[in-house]
């Protein structure tokens, strides 16, 4: 007979600052990967914080059950052989990254890359593909949540010395098959020496972690003095959350445990000891908004069929709208980007 598993626990006060939590959503179910249970969310009532969290909170011992059907990483395409329109766009993107971040590109690509300054969503996507990191020859880069290693392999081609960590055994195996050094487990379990890395990146990881504050503290420890942390996570203050409510893709119950608006994420980084903390919302919105629209209209997201041309056009327009709204309300973008220094 299997031992009884601990049930989810009620969390009525903010895990970050202790203020009471306002009930925001109730009766949420996993419409993406079919994890059992019914969930809700709360929002911290303290205006200076605003953290969102899931309530009830899954017990850390049972988190693995919530990922039983989770499909985190597909087979990444080989960008070295991309052709046609996508290949042309990658060259345009490389030109932008050359002028913005110092990576190599020819003069024609640099001139063409200036076009990305006209499109805020595409520009945010190009920044993300180099993880907001200035070029650095032989810099040591660690990605937490490295997946199948596609992003690390891209950064290695740009001159970084790369390593990764991921909790998904299939993803780690796929990364190693590509020749990328990715370890299995969480960051703390790797026991890296202090000050080993020049940069540490996390894309949509911190929201999955039971103790994000401990993760930030460990991230700071393994960075060298002056090293850079870059972190992306869904923004619960986003326009898309206000528009779609319980259908917003960024909620992902029950796996997204904590969702940080920019002010709360910046404060968490400061408490972990980081300096020169910058945190902003960006309109890299197409994936989240299209999935949110699918959830509202069909009750599910079909992973086998991408967005229709109409949905793509709508999402492009929404990115522009979020960019415009951002002039008046800087927290409306779908993602938070944190950049901080040890």
Protein backbone atom coordinates (compact mmCIF):
# COMPACT_ATOMS: atom_id res chain seq x y z
CA UNK A 1 0.00 0.00 0.00
CA UNK A 2 1.41 3.36 -1.06
CA UNK A 3 1.87 5.95 1.70
CA UNK A 4 -0.61 8.81 1.83
CA UNK A 5 0.66 11.93 0.13
CA UNK A 6 0.39 15.27 1.94
CA UNK A 7 -2.50 17.38 0.61
CA UNK A 8 -2.10 20.92 -0.76
CA UNK A 9 -1.96 23.52 2.00
CA UNK A 10 -3.87 26.77 2.28
CA UNK A 11 -1.74 29.91 1.97
CA UNK A 12 -3.76 33.00 2.84
CA UNK A 13 -0.89 35.46 3.44
CA UNK A 14 1.80 36.62 1.04
CA UNK A 15 4.90 34.37 1.05
CA UNK A 16 7.05 37.42 0.30
CA UNK A 17 5.89 40.12 2.72
CA UNK A 18 3.26 38.49 4.95
CA UNK A 19 0.37 40.77 3.96
CA UNK A 20 -3.11 39.24 3.55
CA UNK A 21 -3.86 37.75 0.16
CA UNK A 22 -6.96 38.72 -1.80
CA UNK A 23 -8.74 35.87 -3.55
CA UNK A 24 -8.41 36.46 -7.29
CA UNK A 25 -9.42 33.22 -9.10
CA UNK A 26 -11.21 30.10 -7.87
CA UNK A 27 -12.11 26.74 -9.39
CA UNK A 28 -9.15 26.61 -11.76
CA UNK A 29 -8.29 23.31 -13.42
CA UNK A 30 -5.31 22.23 -15.49
CA UNK A 31 -6.54 22.55 -19.08
CA UNK A 32 -3.08 22.15 -20.56
CA UNK A 33 -1.68 18.87 -19.23
CA UNK A 34 -4.50 17.37 -17.18
CA UNK A 35 -3.03 17.41 -13.68
CA UNK A 36 -5.75 16.57 -11.12
CA UNK A 37 -7.27 18.95 -8.63
CA UNK A 38 -8.94 22.32 -8.39
CA UNK A 39 -6.99 25.46 -7.62
CA UNK A 40 -7.23 29.17 -6.97
CA UNK A 41 -4.94 32.17 -6.85
CA UNK A 42 -4.39 35.04 -4.45
CA UNK A 43 -2.83 38.47 -4.87
CA UNK A 44 -0.90 40.28 -2.13
CA UNK A 45 -2.88 43.22 -0.80
CA UNK A 46 0.24 45.33 -0.17
CA UNK A 47 0.56 47.83 -3.06
CA UNK A 48 4.36 47.77 -2.84
CA UNK A 49 4.40 43.98 -3.38
CA UNK A 50 1.52 42.56 -5.44
CA UNK A 51 2.85 38.98 -5.59
CA UNK A 52 0.39 36.38 -6.94
CA UNK A 53 0.47 32.78 -5.74
CA UNK A 54 -1.51 29.60 -6.07
CA UNK A 55 -3.81 28.65 -3.20
CA UNK A 56 -3.95 25.89 -2.10
CA UNK A 57 -0.19 25.44 -2.54
CA UNK A 58 0.95 21.97 -3.73
CA UNK A 59 3.23 20.18 -1.31
CA UNK A 60 6.84 20.08 -2.62
CA UNK A 61 6.86 16.30 -2.16
CA UNK A 62 4.05 15.88 -4.69
CA UNK A 63 5.13 18.42 -7.29
CA UNK A 64 6.40 15.65 -9.57
CA UNK A 65 2.86 14.32 -9.95
CA UNK A 66 1.78 17.63 -11.48
CA UNK A 67 4.31 17.14 -14.29
CA UNK A 68 3.32 13.58 -15.18
CA UNK A 69 1.99 14.63 -18.61
CA UNK A 70 4.00 17.81 -18.90
CA UNK A 71 5.72 18.28 -22.24
CA UNK A 72 8.38 20.88 -21.66
CA UNK A 73 10.70 20.72 -24.63
CA UNK A 74 10.41 19.61 -28.21
CA UNK A 75 13.14 18.95 -30.68
CA UNK A 76 14.77 22.30 -31.31
CA UNK A 77 15.39 23.14 -34.92
CA UNK A 78 18.89 23.61 -36.25
CA UNK A 79 19.24 27.34 -36.80
CA UNK A 80 22.47 26.83 -38.72
CA UNK A 81 20.46 25.49 -41.68
CA UNK A 82 17.40 27.76 -41.55
CA UNK A 83 16.55 28.99 -45.03
CA UNK A 84 13.91 31.00 -46.82
CA UNK A 85 11.96 33.70 -45.02
CA UNK A 86 12.96 32.40 -41.57
CA UNK A 87 16.63 32.43 -42.53
CA UNK A 88 16.33 36.01 -43.77
CA UNK A 89 14.64 37.03 -40.55
CA UNK A 90 17.40 35.41 -38.47
CA UNK A 91 19.98 37.48 -40.35
CA UNK A 92 17.96 40.62 -39.71
CA UNK A 93 17.76 39.62 -36.05
CA UNK A 94 21.53 39.06 -35.95
CA UNK A 95 22.05 42.54 -37.33
CA UNK A 96 19.96 44.02 -34.54
CA UNK A 97 21.81 41.95 -31.93
CA UNK A 98 25.11 43.18 -33.34
CA UNK A 99 24.23 46.84 -32.89
CA UNK A 100 22.38 46.39 -29.61
CA UNK A 101 24.53 43.79 -27.84
CA UNK A 102 27.85 43.68 -29.73
CA UNK A 103 27.59 40.28 -31.45
CA UNK A 104 29.24 39.79 -34.87
CA UNK A 105 27.35 40.58 -38.08
CA UNK A 106 28.12 42.15 -41.44
CA UNK A 107 27.35 45.76 -42.27
CA UNK A 108 24.37 44.83 -44.47
CA UNK A 109 22.79 42.80 -41.64
CA UNK A 110 23.45 45.64 -39.21
CA UNK A 111 21.65 48.10 -41.47
CA UNK A 112 18.72 45.73 -41.98
CA UNK A 113 18.59 44.96 -38.25
CA UNK A 114 17.61 48.56 -37.57
CA UNK A 115 14.14 47.59 -38.82
CA UNK A 116 13.53 45.70 -35.57
CA UNK A 117 13.57 49.00 -33.70
CA UNK A 118 10.22 49.64 -35.41
CA UNK A 119 8.56 46.55 -33.90
CA UNK A 120 8.61 46.33 -30.06
CA UNK A 121 7.49 42.70 -29.85
CA UNK A 122 10.03 41.42 -32.36
CA UNK A 123 12.72 43.52 -30.69
CA UNK A 124 11.95 41.93 -27.32
CA UNK A 125 12.13 38.51 -28.96
CA UNK A 126 15.56 39.29 -30.42
CA UNK A 127 16.78 40.50 -27.03
CA UNK A 128 15.55 37.28 -25.43
CA UNK A 129 17.37 35.11 -27.96
CA UNK A 130 20.67 36.49 -26.63
CA UNK A 131 19.24 36.67 -23.10
CA UNK A 132 19.89 40.42 -22.79
CA UNK A 133 23.60 39.63 -22.52
CA UNK A 134 26.28 41.81 -24.11
CA UNK A 135 28.81 39.86 -26.15
CA UNK A 136 31.62 38.45 -24.03
CA UNK A 137 34.38 36.28 -25.44
CA UNK A 138 34.68 33.03 -23.46
CA UNK A 139 32.30 34.20 -20.73
CA UNK A 140 30.96 31.38 -18.54
CA UNK A 141 27.17 31.13 -18.89
CA UNK A 142 24.80 28.92 -16.88
CA UNK A 143 21.17 28.47 -17.93
CA UNK A 144 18.80 27.17 -15.25
CA UNK A 145 15.94 25.43 -17.03
CA UNK A 146 18.07 24.71 -20.09
CA UNK A 147 15.62 22.31 -21.71
CA UNK A 148 16.96 20.56 -24.79
CA UNK A 149 19.95 22.90 -24.97
CA UNK A 150 18.91 24.85 -28.06
CA UNK A 151 19.38 28.26 -26.46
CA UNK A 152 22.74 27.27 -24.97
CA UNK A 153 23.97 25.95 -28.29
CA UNK A 154 23.01 29.27 -29.89
CA UNK A 155 24.93 31.17 -27.19
CA UNK A 156 27.92 28.87 -27.63
CA UNK A 157 28.04 29.80 -31.33
CA UNK A 158 28.19 33.42 -30.19
CA UNK A 159 31.30 32.76 -28.09
CA UNK A 160 30.00 31.84 -24.62
CA UNK A 161 31.24 28.84 -22.62
CA UNK A 162 27.91 27.26 -21.70
CA UNK A 163 26.49 24.88 -19.11
CA UNK A 164 22.91 24.13 -18.10
CA UNK A 165 20.65 22.58 -15.47
CA UNK A 166 17.18 21.11 -15.97
CA UNK A 167 14.80 18.90 -13.98
CA UNK A 168 13.44 17.01 -17.04
CA UNK A 169 15.44 13.82 -17.80
CA UNK A 170 14.23 13.70 -21.43
CA UNK A 171 15.28 17.31 -22.00
CA UNK A 172 18.69 16.69 -20.44
CA UNK A 173 19.21 13.65 -22.66
CA UNK A 174 18.27 15.70 -25.75
CA UNK A 175 20.70 18.45 -24.77
CA UNK A 176 23.54 16.02 -24.20
CA UNK A 177 22.84 14.42 -27.58
CA UNK A 178 23.51 17.85 -29.11
CA UNK A 179 26.81 18.09 -27.25
CA UNK A 180 25.58 20.60 -24.65
CA UNK A 181 26.65 20.11 -21.02
CA UNK A 182 23.34 20.05 -19.10
CA UNK A 183 23.02 18.54 -15.63
CA UNK A 184 19.90 16.94 -14.17
CA UNK A 185 18.28 18.44 -11.08
CA UNK A 186 17.84 21.83 -9.50
CA UNK A 187 20.50 24.51 -9.10
CA UNK A 188 21.25 23.97 -5.41
CA UNK A 189 21.81 20.22 -5.91
CA UNK A 190 24.71 20.88 -8.33
CA UNK A 191 26.85 22.44 -5.59
CA UNK A 192 28.73 24.74 -7.97
CA UNK A 193 31.65 26.60 -6.46
CA UNK A 194 31.02 30.21 -5.54
CA UNK A 195 31.65 32.78 -8.24
CA UNK A 196 31.94 30.29 -11.08
CA UNK A 197 29.81 32.02 -13.75
CA UNK A 198 29.84 35.37 -15.52
CA UNK A 199 26.13 35.15 -16.33
CA UNK A 200 23.15 33.09 -15.21
CA UNK A 201 19.85 33.00 -17.12
CA UNK A 202 16.38 31.62 -16.39
CA UNK A 203 13.44 31.72 -18.81
CA UNK A 204 10.05 30.85 -17.29
CA UNK A 205 11.58 28.92 -14.40
CA UNK A 206 11.12 30.91 -11.20
CA UNK A 207 7.32 30.60 -11.31
CA UNK A 208 7.66 26.80 -11.01
CA UNK A 209 9.87 26.84 -7.90
CA UNK A 210 8.51 26.27 -4.36
CA UNK A 211 11.08 28.68 -2.87
CA UNK A 212 12.01 31.30 -5.49
CA UNK A 213 13.82 33.42 -2.89
CA UNK A 214 16.25 30.59 -2.14
CA UNK A 215 16.78 30.12 -5.88
CA UNK A 216 17.74 33.77 -6.28
CA UNK A 217 20.13 33.55 -3.34
CA UNK A 218 21.85 30.50 -4.84
CA UNK A 219 21.98 32.18 -8.25
CA UNK A 220 23.83 35.10 -6.71
CA UNK A 221 26.26 32.79 -4.92
CA UNK A 222 27.41 31.04 -8.10
CA UNK A 223 27.90 34.32 -10.00
CA UNK A 224 31.24 36.08 -9.88
CA UNK A 225 31.33 39.65 -8.51
CA UNK A 226 29.88 41.81 -11.28
CA UNK A 227 28.20 38.79 -12.89
CA UNK A 228 24.78 39.25 -14.48
CA UNK A 229 21.48 37.53 -13.70
CA UNK A 230 18.81 37.62 -16.44
CA UNK A 231 15.40 36.22 -15.64
CA UNK A 232 12.11 36.11 -17.59
CA UNK A 233 8.76 35.15 -16.09
CA UNK A 234 5.06 35.73 -16.86
CA UNK A 235 3.79 39.06 -15.54
CA UNK A 236 0.52 38.81 -13.57
CA UNK A 237 -0.05 42.55 -14.02
CA UNK A 238 -0.11 42.07 -17.80
CA UNK A 239 -2.82 43.42 -20.06
CA UNK A 240 -3.50 39.83 -21.16
CA UNK A 241 -4.33 38.77 -17.58
CA UNK A 242 -6.73 41.68 -17.26
CA UNK A 243 -8.31 40.80 -20.60
CA UNK A 244 -8.59 37.01 -20.26
CA UNK A 245 -8.85 36.58 -16.48
CA UNK A 246 -8.90 32.90 -15.52
CA UNK A 247 -8.14 31.95 -19.17
CA UNK A 248 -4.79 33.75 -19.16
CA UNK A 249 -2.08 31.30 -20.22
CA UNK A 250 0.40 32.68 -17.70
CA UNK A 251 -1.56 31.25 -14.76
CA UNK A 252 -0.93 27.57 -15.67
CA UNK A 253 -2.41 26.02 -12.52
CA UNK A 254 -1.12 24.12 -10.66
CA UNK A 255 2.51 24.39 -11.84
CA UNK A 256 2.93 28.18 -11.66
CA UNK A 257 3.30 28.59 -7.91
CA UNK A 258 4.38 32.25 -7.69
CA UNK A 259 3.89 35.01 -10.24
CA UNK A 260 5.87 38.21 -9.76
CA UNK A 261 4.87 41.63 -11.06
CA UNK A 262 7.95 43.74 -11.84
CA UNK A 263 8.04 45.53 -8.47
CA UNK A 264 7.87 42.26 -6.50
CA UNK A 265 10.51 40.57 -8.65
CA UNK A 266 12.88 43.51 -8.29
CA UNK A 267 12.43 43.47 -4.51
CA UNK A 268 13.09 39.72 -4.35
CA UNK A 269 16.36 40.22 -6.24
CA UNK A 270 17.41 43.00 -3.87
CA UNK A 271 16.63 40.85 -0.85
CA UNK A 272 18.83 38.11 -2.34
CA UNK A 273 21.71 40.59 -2.39
CA UNK A 274 21.73 41.69 -6.06
CA UNK A 275 22.60 45.25 -7.02
CA UNK A 276 21.86 47.42 -10.07
CA UNK A 277 18.47 45.72 -10.29
CA UNK A 278 16.33 46.55 -13.31
CA UNK A 279 12.96 44.95 -13.88
CA UNK A 280 10.43 45.82 -16.56
CA UNK A 281 7.48 44.36 -18.43
CA UNK A 282 8.00 43.71 -22.15
CA UNK A 283 5.46 43.08 -24.95
CA UNK A 284 6.83 39.69 -26.09
CA UNK A 285 3.23 38.57 -26.07
CA UNK A 286 2.30 36.43 -29.07
CA UNK A 287 2.61 32.98 -27.52
CA UNK A 288 0.86 33.83 -24.26
CA UNK A 289 -1.95 35.80 -25.89
CA UNK A 290 -2.70 33.26 -28.62
CA UNK A 291 -2.82 30.44 -26.06
CA UNK A 292 -5.08 32.55 -23.82
CA UNK A 293 -7.46 33.14 -26.70
CA UNK A 294 -7.54 29.40 -27.45
CA UNK A 295 -8.34 28.63 -23.81
CA UNK A 296 -11.21 31.10 -23.84
CA UNK A 297 -12.64 30.02 -27.20
CA UNK A 298 -11.99 26.27 -27.16
CA UNK A 299 -11.20 25.46 -23.52
CA UNK A 300 -7.83 24.00 -24.45
CA UNK A 301 -4.61 24.63 -26.34
CA UNK A 302 -3.97 22.26 -29.22
CA UNK A 303 -0.20 21.60 -29.35
CA UNK A 304 -0.46 19.99 -32.79
CA UNK A 305 -1.86 23.03 -34.56
CA UNK A 306 -0.29 26.46 -34.46
CA UNK A 307 -2.19 29.73 -34.53
CA UNK A 308 -4.28 30.63 -37.56
CA UNK A 309 -3.26 33.60 -39.73
CA UNK A 310 -6.04 35.60 -38.09
CA UNK A 311 -4.75 34.75 -34.62
CA UNK A 312 -1.20 35.65 -35.64
CA UNK A 313 -2.31 39.03 -37.00
CA UNK A 314 -4.37 39.69 -33.87
CA UNK A 315 -1.41 38.82 -31.62
CA UNK A 316 0.89 41.15 -33.58
CA UNK A 317 -1.60 43.95 -33.07
CA UNK A 318 -1.85 43.17 -29.36
CA UNK A 319 1.92 43.47 -28.99
CA UNK A 320 1.72 46.96 -30.46
CA UNK A 321 -1.18 47.78 -28.14
CA UNK A 322 0.77 46.62 -25.08
CA UNK A 323 3.75 48.68 -26.18
CA UNK A 324 1.58 51.78 -26.51
CA UNK A 325 -0.13 51.16 -23.16
CA UNK A 326 3.30 50.74 -21.62
CA UNK A 327 3.96 54.45 -21.99
CA UNK A 328 1.22 55.12 -19.43
CA UNK A 329 1.27 51.90 -17.41
CA UNK A 330 4.74 50.28 -17.49
CA UNK A 331 3.58 46.94 -16.02
CA UNK A 332 1.20 45.85 -18.82
CA UNK A 333 3.62 43.67 -20.85
CA UNK A 334 3.11 39.90 -20.75
CA UNK A 335 6.58 39.09 -19.43
CA UNK A 336 8.82 40.51 -16.71
CA UNK A 337 12.51 40.82 -17.53
CA UNK A 338 14.84 41.11 -14.56
CA UNK A 339 18.48 42.13 -15.07
CA UNK A 340 20.61 42.31 -11.95
CA UNK A 341 24.26 42.23 -10.96
CA UNK A 342 26.07 40.50 -8.15
